[in-house]
Amino acid sequence: MEDLMIGSVVVAALILGITQFLKDRLYLEGNAVIVLVAVLGIVFGGLSVAITGGYIPPEIAKWVETIVGSIASVLSAMGYYGLAKFLASKD
């Protein structure tokens, strides 16, 4: 399960989604975006390695996976909403 919820591809997608969200909301640009991506990479990459390596107890790992999965769901919904809004404005 951890490979599905917090694997490399999901981590990369989460980092992109969270970065874009925060960049738009906080008007970040330049080095601030680079620092944000680095911090998110360390956090989510570290969680992925910790879960896969068994450094986080299974009881806690389930909560981490739930939170990461929830964030991914929210970002997906926001992306689909943005796409639908963009496509509707094309008419």
C-alpha atoms as a PDB file:
ATOM      1  CA  MET A   1       0.000   0.000   0.000  1.00  0.00           C
ATOM      2  CA  GLU A   2       2.786   2.425   0.802  1.00  0.00           C
ATOM      3  CA  ASP A   3       4.127   2.129  -2.743  1.00  0.00           C
ATOM      4  CA  LEU A   4       0.782   3.306  -4.080  1.00  0.00           C
ATOM      5  CA  MET A   5       0.194   6.167  -1.675  1.00  0.00           C
ATOM      6  CA  ILE A   6       3.624   7.611  -1.135  1.00  0.00           C
ATOM      7  CA  GLY A   7       5.789   6.233  -3.928  1.00  0.00           C
ATOM      8  CA  SER A   8       8.121   8.252  -6.139  1.00  0.00           C
ATOM      9  CA  VAL A   9       5.568   9.188  -8.790  1.00  0.00           C
ATOM     10  CA  VAL A  10       2.984  10.267  -6.225  1.00  0.00           C
ATOM     11  CA  VAL A  11       5.621  12.247  -4.336  1.00  0.00           C
ATOM     12  CA  ALA A  12       6.643  14.052  -7.531  1.00  0.00           C
ATOM     13  CA  ALA A  13       3.011  14.833  -8.379  1.00  0.00           C
ATOM     14  CA  LEU A  14       2.348  16.065  -4.846  1.00  0.00           C
ATOM     15  CA  ILE A  15       5.378  18.325  -4.921  1.00  0.00           C
ATOM     16  CA  LEU A  16       4.286  19.815  -8.254  1.00  0.00           C
ATOM     17  CA  GLY A  17       0.696  20.277  -7.102  1.00  0.00           C
ATOM     18  CA  ILE A  18       1.542  21.794  -3.738  1.00  0.00           C
ATOM     19  CA  THR A  19       4.173  24.058  -5.295  1.00  0.00           C
ATOM     20  CA  GLN A  20       1.761  25.341  -7.923  1.00  0.00           C
ATOM     21  CA  PHE A  21      -0.959  25.909  -5.317  1.00  0.00           C
ATOM     22  CA  LEU A  22       1.333  27.810  -2.955  1.00  0.00           C
ATOM     23  CA  LYS A  23       3.016  29.688  -5.784  1.00  0.00           C
ATOM     24  CA  ASP A  24      -0.344  31.002  -6.974  1.00  0.00           C
ATOM     25  CA  ARG A  25      -1.714  31.767  -3.505  1.00  0.00           C
ATOM     26  CA  LEU A  26       1.421  33.284  -1.964  1.00  0.00           C
ATOM     27  CA  TYR A  27       2.745  34.892  -5.176  1.00  0.00           C
ATOM     28  CA  LEU A  28       6.066  33.091  -4.879  1.00  0.00           C
ATOM     29  CA  GLU A  29       8.682  33.280  -7.599  1.00  0.00           C
ATOM     30  CA  GLY A  30      12.381  32.795  -8.191  1.00  0.00           C
ATOM     31  CA  ASN A  31      14.463  31.357  -5.375  1.00  0.00           C
ATOM     32  CA  ALA A  32      11.460  31.076  -3.050  1.00  0.00           C
ATOM     33  CA  VAL A  33       9.942  28.468  -5.378  1.00  0.00           C
ATOM     34  CA  ILE A  34      13.226  26.551  -5.511  1.00  0.00           C
ATOM     35  CA  VAL A  35      13.428  26.491  -1.715  1.00  0.00           C
ATOM     36  CA  LEU A  36       9.782  25.392  -1.474  1.00  0.00           C
ATOM     37  CA  VAL A  37      10.372  22.512  -3.904  1.00  0.00           C
ATOM     38  CA  ALA A  38      13.491  21.453  -2.007  1.00  0.00           C
ATOM     39  CA  VAL A  39      11.703  21.476   1.355  1.00  0.00           C
ATOM     40  CA  LEU A  40       8.702  19.559  -0.014  1.00  0.00           C
ATOM     41  CA  GLY A  41      11.061  17.057  -1.651  1.00  0.00           C
ATOM     42  CA  ILE A  42      12.869  16.476   1.618  1.00  0.00           C
ATOM     43  CA  VAL A  43       9.629  16.101   3.583  1.00  0.00           C
ATOM     44  CA  PHE A  44       7.736  13.807   1.196  1.00  0.00           C
ATOM     45  CA  GLY A  45      10.831  11.956  -0.007  1.00  0.00           C
ATOM     46  CA  GLY A  46      11.909  11.412   3.566  1.00  0.00           C
ATOM     47  CA  LEU A  47       8.467  10.114   4.518  1.00  0.00           C
ATOM     48  CA  SER A  48       8.531   7.728   1.574  1.00  0.00           C
ATOM     49  CA  VAL A  49      11.952   6.358   2.508  1.00  0.00           C
ATOM     50  CA  ALA A  50      10.990   6.130   6.186  1.00  0.00           C
ATOM     51  CA  ILE A  51       7.807   4.174   5.452  1.00  0.00           C
ATOM     52  CA  THR A  52       9.431   1.877   2.911  1.00  0.00           C
ATOM     53  CA  GLY A  53      12.431   1.271   5.190  1.00  0.00           C
ATOM     54  CA  GLY A  54      10.232   0.503   8.177  1.00  0.00           C
ATOM     55  CA  TYR A  55      11.541   3.453  10.207  1.00  0.00           C
ATOM     56  CA  ILE A  56       8.007   4.610  10.932  1.00  0.00           C
ATOM     57  CA  PRO A  57       5.821   2.208  12.931  1.00  0.00           C
ATOM     58  CA  PRO A  58       2.962   0.701  10.854  1.00  0.00           C
ATOM     59  CA  GLU A  59       0.318   2.401  13.014  1.00  0.00           C
ATOM     60  CA  ILE A  60       1.754   5.833  12.247  1.00  0.00           C
ATOM     61  CA  ALA A  61       2.563   4.954   8.626  1.00  0.00           C
ATOM     62  CA  LYS A  62      -1.141   4.316   8.001  1.00  0.00           C
ATOM     63  CA  TRP A  63      -1.957   7.836   9.187  1.00  0.00           C
ATOM     64  CA  VAL A  64       0.820   9.335   7.062  1.00  0.00           C
ATOM     65  CA  GLU A  65      -0.498   7.448   4.024  1.00  0.00           C
ATOM     66  CA  THR A  66      -4.028   8.657   4.769  1.00  0.00           C
ATOM     67  CA  ILE A  67      -2.907  12.279   4.999  1.00  0.00           C
ATOM     68  CA  VAL A  68      -0.789  12.050   1.837  1.00  0.00           C
ATOM     69  CA  GLY A  69      -3.643  10.334  -0.011  1.00  0.00           C
ATOM     70  CA  SER A  70      -6.040  13.059   1.126  1.00  0.00           C
ATOM     71  CA  ILE A  71      -3.699  15.800  -0.078  1.00  0.00           C
ATOM     72  CA  ALA A  72      -3.361  14.006  -3.423  1.00  0.00           C
ATOM     73  CA  SER A  73      -7.157  13.763  -3.726  1.00  0.00           C
ATOM     74  CA  VAL A  74      -7.609  17.462  -3.008  1.00  0.00           C
ATOM     75  CA  LEU A  75      -4.951  18.442  -5.521  1.00  0.00           C
ATOM     76  CA  SER A  76      -6.501  16.164  -8.142  1.00  0.00           C
ATOM     77  CA  ALA A  77      -9.927  17.679  -7.585  1.00  0.00           C
ATOM     78  CA  MET A  78      -8.479  21.196  -7.831  1.00  0.00           C
ATOM     79  CA  GLY A  79      -6.701  20.254 -11.057  1.00  0.00           C
ATOM     80  CA  TYR A  80      -9.845  18.820 -12.615  1.00  0.00           C
ATOM     81  CA  TYR A  81     -11.831  21.873 -11.547  1.00  0.00           C
ATOM     82  CA  GLY A  82      -9.216  24.175 -13.086  1.00  0.00           C
ATOM     83  CA  LEU A  83      -9.219  22.158 -16.306  1.00  0.00           C
ATOM     84  CA  ALA A  84     -13.025  22.202 -16.513  1.00  0.00           C
ATOM     85  CA  LYS A  85     -13.064  25.950 -15.869  1.00  0.00           C
ATOM     86  CA  PHE A  86     -10.436  26.492 -18.577  1.00  0.00           C
ATOM     87  CA  LEU A  87     -12.317  24.348 -21.093  1.00  0.00           C
ATOM     88  CA  ALA A  88     -15.619  26.076 -20.302  1.00  0.00           C
ATOM     89  CA  SER A  89     -14.045  29.478 -20.933  1.00  0.00           C
ATOM     90  CA  LYS A  90     -12.956  28.346 -24.415  1.00  0.00           C
ATOM     91  CA  ASP A  91     -16.575  28.290 -25.647  1.00  0.00           C
END
